[in-house]
Amino acid sequence: MNPSVEIMLGKMTRREFRERMAAGELQACIIPIAAIEQHLEHLAMEHDWRSVNEVARRAAERLCPQVVVAQGVMAGISEHHMKHPGTLSLRPGSFLAALEDMIESMARAGFRNILVLNGHGGNIAPCGGVWDQFLRRAQVNLHFLPYWDVVTREEAEQFLKTGSVPGHAQEFETAIALAAFPENVRNDVWTDQVDPTPSMATGDSGERLLELIVERVAKFVAEMIDGTRTAEMPPFHP
């Protein structure tokens, strides 16, 4: 990656973006979505948002200067965690409306390849229920991908003692945090939890998983750009 080339949309000026788009340099956009919610006693509540952005940033760096990361909404659909105070949750309608607006914004900016990279399990079913509508309206090569879906169970077993991916705040997510943002892990409270699996995580396994995930996500986006991965547009009925 050329460090002088910005990959975060929010860090660009309008002129920088306009000129790169006009030159045909920018070919794809990654929109990360996730959640701000409880992650047991040992992980910071920003984990889903932080992890999906880590993957998006690293993937965009590999494809620099063709890809930008467009951050928008940090919170996701987390009603199932609301008994733990501090969790932020959007109503499904609010979340989906904001997501569609972000997709439309990037399509209107000129992107024909848009990947919504997901980092929170609670967003999957609601997005799946409306995705055909998003495709019809956007009319671009639009994809939805939970970042852990690029790892098979067999591959996870090579890195994790539990072999479980993703698992809420368990070994997988804890390993990712230890590798990428260890300041978000409270090691001193692991022994206070009923679930022992977070303590099995290591930063080394997390970094190896991250490398694999980023490689696969970057390949996914590269295939979108070269036209070998295209979204199937749902038909309009006569």
Protein backbone atom coordinates (compact mmCIF):
# COMPACT_ATOMS: atom_id res chain seq x y z
CA MET A 1 0.00 0.00 0.00
CA ASN A 2 1.10 3.53 -0.77
CA PRO A 3 0.78 5.36 2.59
CA SER A 4 0.06 8.62 0.77
CA VAL A 5 -3.13 7.18 -0.77
CA GLU A 6 -6.11 7.48 1.57
CA ILE A 7 -8.45 4.49 1.88
CA MET A 8 -10.91 5.90 4.42
CA LEU A 9 -13.66 7.89 2.73
CA GLY A 10 -14.18 10.16 5.72
CA LYS A 11 -10.54 11.26 5.64
CA MET A 12 -10.73 12.52 2.05
CA THR A 13 -11.65 15.99 0.93
CA ARG A 14 -14.34 16.34 -1.70
CA ARG A 15 -11.72 17.32 -4.28
CA GLU A 16 -9.57 14.27 -3.54
CA PHE A 17 -12.53 11.95 -3.89
CA ARG A 18 -13.85 13.68 -7.00
CA GLU A 19 -10.50 13.54 -8.79
CA ARG A 20 -9.85 9.89 -7.96
CA MET A 21 -13.33 8.90 -9.07
CA ALA A 22 -13.07 10.93 -12.28
CA ALA A 23 -9.74 9.29 -13.07
CA GLY A 24 -11.31 5.85 -12.76
CA GLU A 25 -9.04 4.93 -9.88
CA LEU A 26 -11.79 4.05 -7.40
CA GLN A 27 -13.50 0.81 -8.38
CA ALA A 28 -15.18 -0.48 -5.21
CA CYS A 29 -16.47 0.59 -1.85
CA ILE A 30 -16.69 -1.37 1.39
CA ILE A 31 -19.43 -0.32 3.83
CA PRO A 32 -18.74 -1.89 7.25
CA ILE A 33 -21.70 -2.54 9.54
CA ALA A 34 -21.67 -4.04 13.02
CA ALA A 35 -22.87 -3.19 16.54
CA ILE A 36 -22.02 -1.55 19.85
CA GLU A 37 -23.15 -4.07 22.43
CA GLN A 38 -22.11 -6.07 25.47
CA HIS A 39 -19.36 -8.62 24.91
CA LEU A 40 -19.37 -10.42 28.25
CA GLU A 41 -17.24 -9.06 31.05
CA HIS A 42 -13.91 -9.01 29.22
CA LEU A 43 -14.37 -7.32 25.82
CA ALA A 44 -15.13 -3.69 25.08
CA MET A 45 -18.59 -3.05 23.66
CA GLU A 46 -17.17 -1.69 20.40
CA HIS A 47 -15.77 -5.10 19.45
CA ASP A 48 -18.00 -5.86 16.46
CA TRP A 49 -17.51 -2.38 15.00
CA ARG A 50 -13.77 -2.39 15.65
CA SER A 51 -13.20 -5.87 14.21
CA VAL A 52 -15.16 -5.38 10.99
CA ASN A 53 -13.37 -2.10 10.36
CA GLU A 54 -10.02 -3.79 10.93
CA VAL A 55 -10.87 -6.35 8.27
CA ALA A 56 -12.24 -3.70 5.89
CA ARG A 57 -9.18 -1.46 6.32
CA ARG A 58 -6.67 -4.25 5.78
CA ALA A 59 -8.54 -5.55 2.73
CA ALA A 60 -8.73 -2.06 1.22
CA GLU A 61 -5.00 -1.60 1.83
CA ARG A 62 -4.30 -4.75 -0.18
CA LEU A 63 -6.36 -3.40 -3.07
CA CYS A 64 -5.13 0.19 -2.81
CA PRO A 65 -5.82 2.53 -4.59
CA GLN A 66 -8.97 0.91 -6.01
CA VAL A 67 -11.02 0.53 -2.81
CA VAL A 68 -12.31 2.87 -0.12
CA VAL A 69 -13.97 2.16 3.21
CA ALA A 70 -17.13 4.17 3.89
CA GLN A 71 -17.95 4.16 7.59
CA GLY A 72 -21.43 5.25 8.51
CA VAL A 73 -23.50 3.71 11.31
CA MET A 74 -21.73 2.10 14.27
CA ALA A 75 -24.76 0.60 16.02
CA GLY A 76 -26.68 -2.39 14.72
CA ILE A 77 -29.68 -4.55 15.61
CA SER A 78 -28.98 -5.73 19.16
CA GLU A 79 -32.34 -6.04 20.91
CA HIS A 80 -31.29 -9.49 22.16
CA HIS A 81 -28.53 -7.84 24.24
CA MET A 82 -30.58 -5.04 25.74
CA LYS A 83 -30.84 -6.62 29.18
CA HIS A 84 -27.19 -5.54 29.56
CA PRO A 85 -27.18 -1.75 30.06
CA GLY A 86 -24.91 0.16 27.73
CA THR A 87 -25.79 -1.77 24.60
CA LEU A 88 -26.89 0.40 21.68
CA SER A 89 -29.61 -1.04 19.48
CA LEU A 90 -31.36 0.30 16.42
CA ARG A 91 -34.82 -0.84 15.40
CA PRO A 92 -34.63 -3.02 12.29
CA GLY A 93 -36.46 -0.44 10.22
CA SER A 94 -34.15 2.37 11.35
CA PHE A 95 -31.03 0.32 10.71
CA LEU A 96 -32.11 -0.91 7.28
CA ALA A 97 -33.19 2.57 6.20
CA ALA A 98 -29.80 3.99 7.18
CA LEU A 99 -27.97 1.15 5.44
CA GLU A 100 -29.94 1.60 2.24
CA ASP A 101 -29.25 5.34 2.35
CA MET A 102 -25.51 4.64 2.65
CA ILE A 103 -25.65 2.21 -0.28
CA GLU A 104 -27.58 4.74 -2.36
CA SER A 105 -25.08 7.46 -1.46
CA MET A 106 -22.17 5.38 -2.71
CA ALA A 107 -24.04 4.33 -5.85
CA ARG A 108 -24.84 7.97 -6.60
CA ALA A 109 -21.16 8.80 -6.02
CA GLY A 110 -20.36 6.48 -8.91
CA PHE A 111 -19.49 3.12 -7.37
CA ARG A 112 -20.72 0.11 -9.33
CA ASN A 113 -19.21 -2.38 -6.86
CA ILE A 114 -20.33 -2.12 -3.23
CA LEU A 115 -19.65 -4.64 -0.49
CA VAL A 116 -21.56 -4.42 2.79
CA LEU A 117 -19.14 -6.13 5.18
CA ASN A 118 -20.94 -7.30 8.30
CA GLY A 119 -19.48 -7.79 11.76
CA HIS A 120 -22.58 -8.59 13.84
CA GLY A 121 -24.78 -11.67 13.72
CA GLY A 122 -27.95 -9.77 14.62
CA ASN A 123 -27.80 -7.86 11.33
CA ILE A 124 -27.85 -10.95 9.11
CA ALA A 125 -31.51 -12.01 9.07
CA PRO A 126 -32.93 -8.47 8.71
CA CYS A 127 -30.56 -7.71 5.82
CA GLY A 128 -31.37 -11.02 4.16
CA GLY A 129 -35.05 -10.24 4.28
CA VAL A 130 -34.73 -7.05 2.24
CA TRP A 131 -31.63 -7.66 0.15
CA ASP A 132 -33.52 -8.31 -3.08
CA GLN A 133 -35.20 -4.93 -2.62
CA PHE A 134 -31.82 -3.25 -2.07
CA LEU A 135 -30.53 -4.83 -5.28
CA ARG A 136 -33.52 -3.70 -7.30
CA ARG A 137 -33.21 -0.13 -6.11
CA ALA A 138 -29.42 0.20 -6.23
CA GLN A 139 -28.90 -1.52 -9.61
CA VAL A 140 -25.21 -2.07 -8.84
CA ASN A 141 -22.99 -5.06 -8.05
CA LEU A 142 -24.02 -5.15 -4.39
CA HIS A 143 -23.00 -7.91 -1.97
CA PHE A 144 -23.48 -8.70 1.72
CA LEU A 145 -20.76 -10.64 3.54
CA PRO A 146 -20.31 -11.45 7.25
CA TYR A 147 -16.52 -11.42 7.46
CA TRP A 148 -16.29 -14.74 9.31
CA ASP A 149 -18.13 -16.55 6.50
CA VAL A 150 -14.88 -16.72 4.53
CA VAL A 151 -13.44 -19.17 7.11
CA THR A 152 -14.49 -22.82 7.09
CA ARG A 153 -14.98 -24.88 10.22
CA GLU A 154 -11.99 -27.03 9.24
CA GLU A 155 -9.78 -23.96 8.89
CA ALA A 156 -10.95 -22.55 12.21
CA GLU A 157 -9.97 -25.77 13.92
CA GLN A 158 -6.38 -25.20 12.78
CA PHE A 159 -6.19 -21.95 14.77
CA LEU A 160 -8.70 -22.25 17.61
CA LYS A 161 -8.96 -24.79 20.40
CA THR A 162 -12.75 -24.62 20.23
CA GLY A 163 -12.90 -24.37 16.44
CA SER A 164 -15.97 -22.16 16.86
CA VAL A 165 -16.51 -19.19 14.51
CA PRO A 166 -17.71 -16.60 15.24
CA GLY A 167 -19.10 -17.19 18.75
CA HIS A 168 -20.17 -14.16 20.76
CA ALA A 169 -17.18 -12.88 22.77
CA GLN A 170 -15.71 -16.37 22.87
CA GLU A 171 -12.34 -17.63 21.65
CA PHE A 172 -12.61 -16.34 18.06
CA GLU A 173 -13.60 -12.77 18.87
CA THR A 174 -11.24 -12.59 21.82
CA ALA A 175 -8.34 -13.78 19.67
CA ILE A 176 -9.13 -11.11 17.05
CA ALA A 177 -9.12 -8.46 19.77
CA LEU A 178 -5.85 -9.71 21.29
CA ALA A 179 -4.22 -9.50 17.86
CA ALA A 180 -5.56 -6.18 16.60
CA PHE A 181 -6.60 -4.09 19.63
CA PRO A 182 -5.46 -5.76 22.86
CA GLU A 183 -6.35 -2.70 24.92
CA ASN A 184 -9.99 -3.78 24.55
CA VAL A 185 -9.44 -7.07 26.41
CA ARG A 186 -9.76 -7.19 30.20
CA ASN A 187 -7.65 -10.23 31.06
CA ASP A 188 -8.23 -9.85 34.78
CA VAL A 189 -11.92 -10.82 34.60
CA TRP A 190 -11.71 -14.04 32.58
CA THR A 191 -11.79 -16.18 35.69
CA ASP A 192 -15.00 -14.48 36.85
CA GLN A 193 -17.01 -15.77 33.87
CA VAL A 194 -18.96 -18.99 33.57
CA ASP A 195 -17.79 -19.43 29.98
CA PRO A 196 -14.09 -20.46 29.98
CA THR A 197 -13.56 -20.31 26.20
CA PRO A 198 -12.36 -16.67 25.96
CA SER A 199 -9.30 -17.55 28.05
CA MET A 200 -8.26 -20.04 25.35
CA ALA A 201 -7.63 -17.20 22.88
CA THR A 202 -4.18 -16.00 21.89
CA GLY A 203 -3.03 -13.02 19.88
CA ASP A 204 -1.06 -15.30 17.60
CA SER A 205 -4.11 -17.31 16.60
CA GLY A 206 -6.05 -14.10 16.16
CA GLU A 207 -3.46 -12.61 13.83
CA ARG A 208 -3.28 -15.78 11.74
CA LEU A 209 -7.07 -15.79 11.44
CA LEU A 210 -7.12 -12.11 10.54
CA GLU A 211 -4.57 -12.67 7.79
CA LEU A 212 -6.69 -15.46 6.32
CA ILE A 213 -9.90 -13.44 6.59
CA VAL A 214 -8.37 -10.32 5.04
CA GLU A 215 -6.91 -12.36 2.19
CA ARG A 216 -10.31 -13.87 1.44
CA VAL A 217 -12.24 -10.59 1.74
CA ALA A 218 -9.71 -8.83 -0.51
CA LYS A 219 -10.11 -11.63 -3.06
CA PHE A 220 -13.90 -11.29 -2.83
CA VAL A 221 -13.70 -7.56 -3.63
CA ALA A 222 -11.10 -8.09 -6.36
CA GLU A 223 -13.48 -10.52 -8.04
CA MET A 224 -16.24 -7.92 -7.84
CA ILE A 225 -13.97 -5.42 -9.56
CA ASP A 226 -12.82 -7.76 -12.35
CA GLY A 227 -16.38 -8.91 -13.03
CA THR A 228 -16.03 -12.54 -11.99
CA ARG A 229 -18.30 -12.03 -8.94
CA THR A 230 -21.57 -10.36 -9.80
CA ALA A 231 -24.78 -10.03 -7.85
CA GLU A 232 -27.76 -11.72 -9.44
CA MET A 233 -30.36 -9.05 -9.98
CA PRO A 234 -33.85 -10.21 -8.92
CA PRO A 235 -36.33 -9.97 -11.78
CA PHE A 236 -39.00 -7.35 -12.15
CA HIS A 237 -42.35 -8.99 -12.73
CA PRO A 238 -44.25 -8.03 -15.90
